[in-house]
């Protein structure tokens, strides 16, 4: 016979907006550095642009999720 299962822990409360914003800022800094040093391969630059775009998408998603939870 198995021992009784412990209850699941409560989810951690995090500040998702700050986390996503910091990541987006880091991608923007990397983009500026790459635009200054002008690498021969352009995929690095486009990777930074994609990271910034996904950061903005993440901010919009978290904002909408938080607004829906508040209702």
PDB file of N, CA and C in Angstrom:
ATOM      1  N   UNK A   1       0.837  -1.183   0.000  1.00  0.00           N
ATOM      2  CA  UNK A   1       0.000   0.000   0.000  1.00  0.00           C
ATOM      3  C   UNK A   1       0.881   1.245   0.000  1.00  0.00           C
ATOM      4  N   UNK A   2       0.521   2.216  -0.841  1.00  0.00           N
ATOM      5  CA  UNK A   2       1.316   3.444  -0.944  1.00  0.00           C
ATOM      6  C   UNK A   2       0.947   4.403   0.178  1.00  0.00           C
ATOM      7  N   UNK A   3       1.956   5.171   0.636  1.00  0.00           N
ATOM      8  CA  UNK A   3       1.622   6.198   1.642  1.00  0.00           C
ATOM      9  C   UNK A   3       0.789   7.308   0.989  1.00  0.00           C
ATOM     10  N   UNK A   4       0.021   8.039   1.763  1.00  0.00           N
ATOM     11  CA  UNK A   4      -0.803   9.098   1.175  1.00  0.00           C
ATOM     12  C   UNK A   4       0.066  10.171   0.512  1.00  0.00           C
ATOM     13  N   UNK A   5      -0.440  10.707  -0.581  1.00  0.00           N
ATOM     14  CA  UNK A   5       0.296  11.698  -1.361  1.00  0.00           C
ATOM     15  C   UNK A   5       0.249  13.050  -0.668  1.00  0.00           C
ATOM     16  N   UNK A   6       1.401  13.721  -0.629  1.00  0.00           N
ATOM     17  CA  UNK A   6       1.451  15.064  -0.055  1.00  0.00           C
ATOM     18  C   UNK A   6       0.752  16.032  -1.008  1.00  0.00           C
ATOM     19  N   UNK A   7       0.166  17.085  -0.482  1.00  0.00           N
ATOM     20  CA  UNK A   7      -0.488  18.060  -1.364  1.00  0.00           C
ATOM     21  C   UNK A   7       0.549  18.835  -2.179  1.00  0.00           C
ATOM     22  N   UNK A   8       0.130  19.277  -3.367  1.00  0.00           N
ATOM     23  CA  UNK A   8       1.028  20.062  -4.215  1.00  0.00           C
ATOM     24  C   UNK A   8       1.324  21.401  -3.556  1.00  0.00           C
ATOM     25  N   UNK A   9       2.564  21.909  -3.719  1.00  0.00           N
ATOM     26  CA  UNK A   9       2.869  23.223  -3.153  1.00  0.00           C
ATOM     27  C   UNK A   9       2.156  24.323  -3.941  1.00  0.00           C
ATOM     28  N   UNK A  10       1.951  25.433  -3.283  1.00  0.00           N
ATOM     29  CA  UNK A  10       1.327  26.581  -3.935  1.00  0.00           C
ATOM     30  C   UNK A  10       2.293  27.136  -4.991  1.00  0.00           C
ATOM     31  N   UNK A  11       1.771  27.641  -6.109  1.00  0.00           N
ATOM     32  CA  UNK A  11       2.659  28.214  -7.123  1.00  0.00           C
ATOM     33  C   UNK A  11       3.360  29.470  -6.608  1.00  0.00           C
ATOM     34  N   UNK A  12       4.575  29.675  -7.081  1.00  0.00           N
ATOM     35  CA  UNK A  12       5.329  30.858  -6.682  1.00  0.00           C
ATOM     36  C   UNK A  12       4.743  32.099  -7.335  1.00  0.00           C
ATOM     37  N   UNK A  13       4.740  33.169  -6.610  1.00  0.00           N
ATOM     38  CA  UNK A  13       4.295  34.452  -7.160  1.00  0.00           C
ATOM     39  C   UNK A  13       5.522  35.138  -7.763  1.00  0.00           C
ATOM     40  N   UNK A  14       5.474  35.395  -9.052  1.00  0.00           N
ATOM     41  CA  UNK A  14       6.597  36.031  -9.729  1.00  0.00           C
ATOM     42  C   UNK A  14       6.124  37.285 -10.441  1.00  0.00           C
ATOM     43  N   UNK A  15       7.073  38.132 -10.774  1.00  0.00           N
ATOM     44  CA  UNK A  15       6.768  39.332 -11.536  1.00  0.00           C
ATOM     45  C   UNK A  15       7.205  39.067 -12.973  1.00  0.00           C
ATOM     46  N   UNK A  16       6.303  38.509 -13.756  1.00  0.00           N
ATOM     47  CA  UNK A  16       6.626  38.114 -15.123  1.00  0.00           C
ATOM     48  C   UNK A  16       6.941  39.309 -16.009  1.00  0.00           C
ATOM     49  N   UNK A  17       6.283  40.425 -15.783  1.00  0.00           N
ATOM     50  CA  UNK A  17       6.516  41.612 -16.600  1.00  0.00           C
ATOM     51  C   UNK A  17       7.961  42.079 -16.478  1.00  0.00           C
ATOM     52  N   UNK A  18       8.481  42.116 -15.269  1.00  0.00           N
ATOM     53  CA  UNK A  18       9.863  42.549 -15.068  1.00  0.00           C
ATOM     54  C   UNK A  18      10.836  41.578 -15.715  1.00  0.00           C
ATOM     55  N   UNK A  19      10.578  40.295 -15.583  1.00  0.00           N
ATOM     56  CA  UNK A  19      11.457  39.290 -16.173  1.00  0.00           C
ATOM     57  C   UNK A  19      11.521  39.432 -17.686  1.00  0.00           C
ATOM     58  N   UNK A  20      10.365  39.578 -18.317  1.00  0.00           N
ATOM     59  CA  UNK A  20      10.323  39.710 -19.772  1.00  0.00           C
ATOM     60  C   UNK A  20      10.958  41.029 -20.205  1.00  0.00           C
ATOM     61  N   UNK A  21      10.712  42.095 -19.462  1.00  0.00           N
ATOM     62  CA  UNK A  21      11.282  43.397 -19.804  1.00  0.00           C
ATOM     63  C   UNK A  21      12.803  43.374 -19.725  1.00  0.00           C
ATOM     64  N   UNK A  22      13.354  42.739 -18.712  1.00  0.00           N
ATOM     65  CA  UNK A  22      14.816  42.635 -18.596  1.00  0.00           C
ATOM     66  C   UNK A  22      15.391  41.848 -19.763  1.00  0.00           C
ATOM     67  N   UNK A  23      14.755  40.745 -20.124  1.00  0.00           N
ATOM     68  CA  UNK A  23      15.229  39.963 -21.268  1.00  0.00           C
ATOM     69  C   UNK A  23      15.177  40.750 -22.563  1.00  0.00           C
ATOM     70  N   UNK A  24      14.106  41.516 -22.770  1.00  0.00           N
ATOM     71  CA  UNK A  24      13.977  42.331 -23.974  1.00  0.00           C
ATOM     72  C   UNK A  24      15.054  43.413 -24.019  1.00  0.00           C
ATOM     73  N   UNK A  25      15.325  44.027 -22.888  1.00  0.00           N
ATOM     74  CA  UNK A  25      16.382  45.047 -22.831  1.00  0.00           C
ATOM     75  C   UNK A  25      17.740  44.428 -23.138  1.00  0.00           C
ATOM     76  N   UNK A  26      17.997  43.235 -22.637  1.00  0.00           N
ATOM     77  CA  UNK A  26      19.273  42.574 -22.941  1.00  0.00           C
ATOM     78  C   UNK A  26      19.405  42.263 -24.429  1.00  0.00           C
ATOM     79  N   UNK A  27      18.306  41.835 -25.076  1.00  0.00           N
ATOM     80  CA  UNK A  27      18.343  41.613 -26.530  1.00  0.00           C
ATOM     81  C   UNK A  27      18.609  42.925 -27.259  1.00  0.00           C
ATOM     82  N   UNK A  28      18.021  44.019 -26.780  1.00  0.00           N
ATOM     83  CA  UNK A  28      18.238  45.321 -27.419  1.00  0.00           C
ATOM     84  C   UNK A  28      19.690  45.769 -27.273  1.00  0.00           C
ATOM     85  N   UNK A  29      20.285  45.529 -26.115  1.00  0.00           N
ATOM     86  CA  UNK A  29      21.691  45.872 -25.917  1.00  0.00           C
ATOM     87  C   UNK A  29      22.573  45.046 -26.853  1.00  0.00           C
ATOM     88  N   UNK A  30      22.263  43.769 -26.975  1.00  0.00           N
ATOM     89  CA  UNK A  30      23.031  42.915 -27.887  1.00  0.00           C
ATOM     90  C   UNK A  30      22.883  43.399 -29.323  1.00  0.00           C
ATOM     91  N   UNK A  31      21.705  43.854 -29.703  1.00  0.00           N
ATOM     92  CA  UNK A  31      21.497  44.371 -31.057  1.00  0.00           C
ATOM     93  C   UNK A  31      22.335  45.612 -31.303  1.00  0.00           C
ATOM     94  N   UNK A  32      22.375  46.517 -30.340  1.00  0.00           N
ATOM     95  CA  UNK A  32      23.177  47.735 -30.483  1.00  0.00           C
ATOM     96  C   UNK A  32      24.654  47.380 -30.628  1.00  0.00           C
ATOM     97  N   UNK A  33      25.132  46.454 -29.820  1.00  0.00           N
ATOM     98  CA  UNK A  33      26.538  46.028 -29.917  1.00  0.00           C
ATOM     99  C   UNK A  33      26.816  45.445 -31.300  1.00  0.00           C
ATOM    100  N   UNK A  34      25.915  44.611 -31.798  1.00  0.00           N
ATOM    101  CA  UNK A  34      26.122  44.016 -33.113  1.00  0.00           C
ATOM    102  C   UNK A  34      26.064  45.052 -34.226  1.00  0.00           C
ATOM    103  N   UNK A  35      25.219  46.061 -34.085  1.00  0.00           N
ATOM    104  CA  UNK A  35      25.176  47.108 -35.102  1.00  0.00           C
ATOM    105  C   UNK A  35      26.448  47.951 -35.095  1.00  0.00           C
ATOM    106  N   UNK A  36      27.097  48.042 -33.955  1.00  0.00           N
ATOM    107  CA  UNK A  36      28.359  48.790 -33.866  1.00  0.00           C
ATOM    108  C   UNK A  36      29.505  48.000 -34.481  1.00  0.00           C
ATOM    109  N   UNK A  37      29.597  46.689 -34.162  1.00  0.00           N
ATOM    110  CA  UNK A  37      30.751  45.916 -34.643  1.00  0.00           C
ATOM    111  C   UNK A  37      30.556  45.351 -36.045  1.00  0.00           C
ATOM    112  N   UNK A  38      29.339  45.418 -36.568  1.00  0.00           N
ATOM    113  CA  UNK A  38      29.038  44.960 -37.937  1.00  0.00           C
ATOM    114  C   UNK A  38      29.600  43.574 -38.242  1.00  0.00           C
ATOM    115  N   UNK A  39      28.964  42.510 -37.725  1.00  0.00           N
ATOM    116  CA  UNK A  39      29.463  41.157 -38.010  1.00  0.00           C
ATOM    117  C   UNK A  39      29.231  40.797 -39.480  1.00  0.00           C
ATOM    118  N   UNK A  40      30.033  39.869 -39.968  1.00  0.00           N
ATOM    119  CA  UNK A  40      29.889  39.463 -41.371  1.00  0.00           C
ATOM    120  C   UNK A  40      28.650  38.597 -41.580  1.00  0.00           C
ATOM    121  N   UNK A  41      28.217  37.918 -40.559  1.00  0.00           N
ATOM    122  CA  UNK A  41      27.021  37.078 -40.658  1.00  0.00           C
ATOM    123  C   UNK A  41      25.837  37.825 -40.055  1.00  0.00           C
ATOM    124  N   UNK A  42      24.793  37.998 -40.863  1.00  0.00           N
ATOM    125  CA  UNK A  42      23.668  38.817 -40.410  1.00  0.00           C
ATOM    126  C   UNK A  42      22.669  38.069 -39.533  1.00  0.00           C
ATOM    127  N   UNK A  43      22.778  36.753 -39.425  1.00  0.00           N
ATOM    128  CA  UNK A  43      21.789  36.020 -38.630  1.00  0.00           C
ATOM    129  C   UNK A  43      21.874  36.381 -37.158  1.00  0.00           C
ATOM    130  N   UNK A  44      23.027  36.836 -36.692  1.00  0.00           N
ATOM    131  CA  UNK A  44      23.134  37.265 -35.300  1.00  0.00           C
ATOM    132  C   UNK A  44      22.237  38.479 -35.052  1.00  0.00           C
ATOM    133  N   UNK A  45      22.292  39.414 -35.972  1.00  0.00           N
ATOM    134  CA  UNK A  45      21.469  40.620 -35.848  1.00  0.00           C
ATOM    135  C   UNK A  45      19.990  40.251 -35.870  1.00  0.00           C
ATOM    136  N   UNK A  46      19.600  39.367 -36.777  1.00  0.00           N
ATOM    137  CA  UNK A  46      18.193  38.988 -36.878  1.00  0.00           C
ATOM    138  C   UNK A  46      17.742  38.168 -35.666  1.00  0.00           C
ATOM    139  N   UNK A  47      18.662  37.468 -35.040  1.00  0.00           N
ATOM    140  CA  UNK A  47      18.310  36.755 -33.812  1.00  0.00           C
ATOM    141  C   UNK A  47      17.953  37.749 -32.709  1.00  0.00           C
ATOM    142  N   UNK A  48      18.710  38.838 -32.624  1.00  0.00           N
ATOM    143  CA  UNK A  48      18.406  39.875 -31.627  1.00  0.00           C
ATOM    144  C   UNK A  48      17.063  40.536 -31.928  1.00  0.00           C
ATOM    145  N   UNK A  49      16.810  40.807 -33.201  1.00  0.00           N
ATOM    146  CA  UNK A  49      15.528  41.410 -33.580  1.00  0.00           C
ATOM    147  C   UNK A  49      14.380  40.471 -33.211  1.00  0.00           C
ATOM    148  N   UNK A  50      14.547  39.177 -33.463  1.00  0.00           N
ATOM    149  CA  UNK A  50      13.510  38.210 -33.103  1.00  0.00           C
ATOM    150  C   UNK A  50      13.320  38.164 -31.583  1.00  0.00           C
ATOM    151  N   UNK A  51      14.402  38.236 -30.824  1.00  0.00           N
ATOM    152  CA  UNK A  51      14.301  38.241 -29.362  1.00  0.00           C
ATOM    153  C   UNK A  51      13.538  39.447 -28.849  1.00  0.00           C
ATOM    154  N   UNK A  52      13.780  40.602 -29.463  1.00  0.00           N
ATOM    155  CA  UNK A  52      13.056  41.816 -29.064  1.00  0.00           C
ATOM    156  C   UNK A  52      11.578  41.673 -29.423  1.00  0.00           C
ATOM    157  N   UNK A  53      11.306  41.166 -30.613  1.00  0.00           N
ATOM    158  CA  UNK A  53       9.912  40.981 -31.023  1.00  0.00           C
ATOM    159  C   UNK A  53       9.174  40.020 -30.114  1.00  0.00           C
ATOM    160  N   UNK A  54       9.814  38.917 -29.773  1.00  0.00           N
ATOM    161  CA  UNK A  54       9.172  37.959 -28.874  1.00  0.00           C
ATOM    162  C   UNK A  54       8.998  38.553 -27.474  1.00  0.00           C
ATOM    163  N   UNK A  55       9.907  39.427 -27.067  1.00  0.00           N
ATOM    164  CA  UNK A  55       9.753  40.104 -25.778  1.00  0.00           C
ATOM    165  C   UNK A  55       8.520  40.987 -25.750  1.00  0.00           C
ATOM    166  N   UNK A  56       8.300  41.737 -26.842  1.00  0.00           N
ATOM    167  CA  UNK A  56       7.092  42.570 -26.911  1.00  0.00           C
ATOM    168  C   UNK A  56       5.840  41.709 -26.938  1.00  0.00           C
ATOM    169  N   UNK A  57       5.895  40.590 -27.652  1.00  0.00           N
ATOM    170  CA  UNK A  57       4.757  39.658 -27.659  1.00  0.00           C
ATOM    171  C   UNK A  57       4.506  39.133 -26.246  1.00  0.00           C
ATOM    172  N   UNK A  58       5.585  38.777 -25.536  1.00  0.00           N
ATOM    173  CA  UNK A  58       5.443  38.275 -24.169  1.00  0.00           C
ATOM    174  C   UNK A  58       4.857  39.315 -23.233  1.00  0.00           C
ATOM    175  N   UNK A  59       5.269  40.581 -23.391  1.00  0.00           N
ATOM    176  CA  UNK A  59       4.704  41.640 -22.556  1.00  0.00           C
ATOM    177  C   UNK A  59       3.209  41.797 -22.814  1.00  0.00           C
ATOM    178  N   UNK A  60       2.807  41.767 -24.070  1.00  0.00           N
ATOM    179  CA  UNK A  60       1.385  41.888 -24.403  1.00  0.00           C
ATOM    180  C   UNK A  60       0.603  40.696 -23.845  1.00  0.00           C
ATOM    181  N   UNK A  61       1.180  39.499 -23.969  1.00  0.00           N
ATOM    182  CA  UNK A  61       0.514  38.293 -23.481  1.00  0.00           C
ATOM    183  C   UNK A  61       0.320  38.346 -21.965  1.00  0.00           C
ATOM    184  N   UNK A  62       1.363  38.727 -21.239  1.00  0.00           N
ATOM    185  CA  UNK A  62       1.277  38.767 -19.775  1.00  0.00           C
ATOM    186  C   UNK A  62       0.303  39.858 -19.338  1.00  0.00           C
ATOM    187  N   UNK A  63       0.310  40.980 -20.045  1.00  0.00           N
ATOM    188  CA  UNK A  63      -0.621  42.057 -19.710  1.00  0.00           C
ATOM    189  C   UNK A  63      -2.062  41.586 -19.887  1.00  0.00           C
ATOM    190  N   UNK A  64      -2.343  40.921 -20.995  1.00  0.00           N
ATOM    191  CA  UNK A  64      -3.699  40.415 -21.245  1.00  0.00           C
ATOM    192  C   UNK A  64      -4.074  39.344 -20.225  1.00  0.00           C
ATOM    193  N   UNK A  65      -3.123  38.443 -19.911  1.00  0.00           N
ATOM    194  CA  UNK A  65      -3.403  37.381 -18.936  1.00  0.00           C
ATOM    195  C   UNK A  65      -3.729  37.967 -17.570  1.00  0.00           C
ATOM    196  N   UNK A  66      -2.951  38.964 -17.134  1.00  0.00           N
ATOM    197  CA  UNK A  66      -3.195  39.579 -15.834  1.00  0.00           C
ATOM    198  C   UNK A  66      -4.530  40.312 -15.806  1.00  0.00           C
ATOM    199  N   UNK A  67      -4.883  40.963 -16.916  1.00  0.00           N
ATOM    200  CA  UNK A  67      -6.159  41.678 -17.000  1.00  0.00           C
ATOM    201  C   UNK A  67      -7.323  40.697 -16.914  1.00  0.00           C
ATOM    202  N   UNK A  68      -7.190  39.549 -17.587  1.00  0.00           N
ATOM    203  CA  UNK A  68      -8.254  38.537 -17.543  1.00  0.00           C
ATOM    204  C   UNK A  68      -8.361  37.885 -16.173  1.00  0.00           C
ATOM    205  N   UNK A  69      -7.257  37.718 -15.494  1.00  0.00           N
ATOM    206  CA  UNK A  69      -7.302  37.122 -14.143  1.00  0.00           C
ATOM    207  C   UNK A  69      -7.961  38.062 -13.157  1.00  0.00           C
ATOM    208  N   UNK A  70      -7.803  39.369 -13.384  1.00  0.00           N
ATOM    209  CA  UNK A  70      -8.373  40.346 -12.438  1.00  0.00           C
ATOM    210  C   UNK A  70      -9.900  40.372 -12.515  1.00  0.00           C
ATOM    211  N   UNK A  71     -10.461  39.937 -13.643  1.00  0.00           N
ATOM    212  CA  UNK A  71     -11.939  39.955 -13.781  1.00  0.00           C
ATOM    213  C   UNK A  71     -12.600  38.936 -12.922  1.00  0.00           C
TER     214      UNK A  71
END
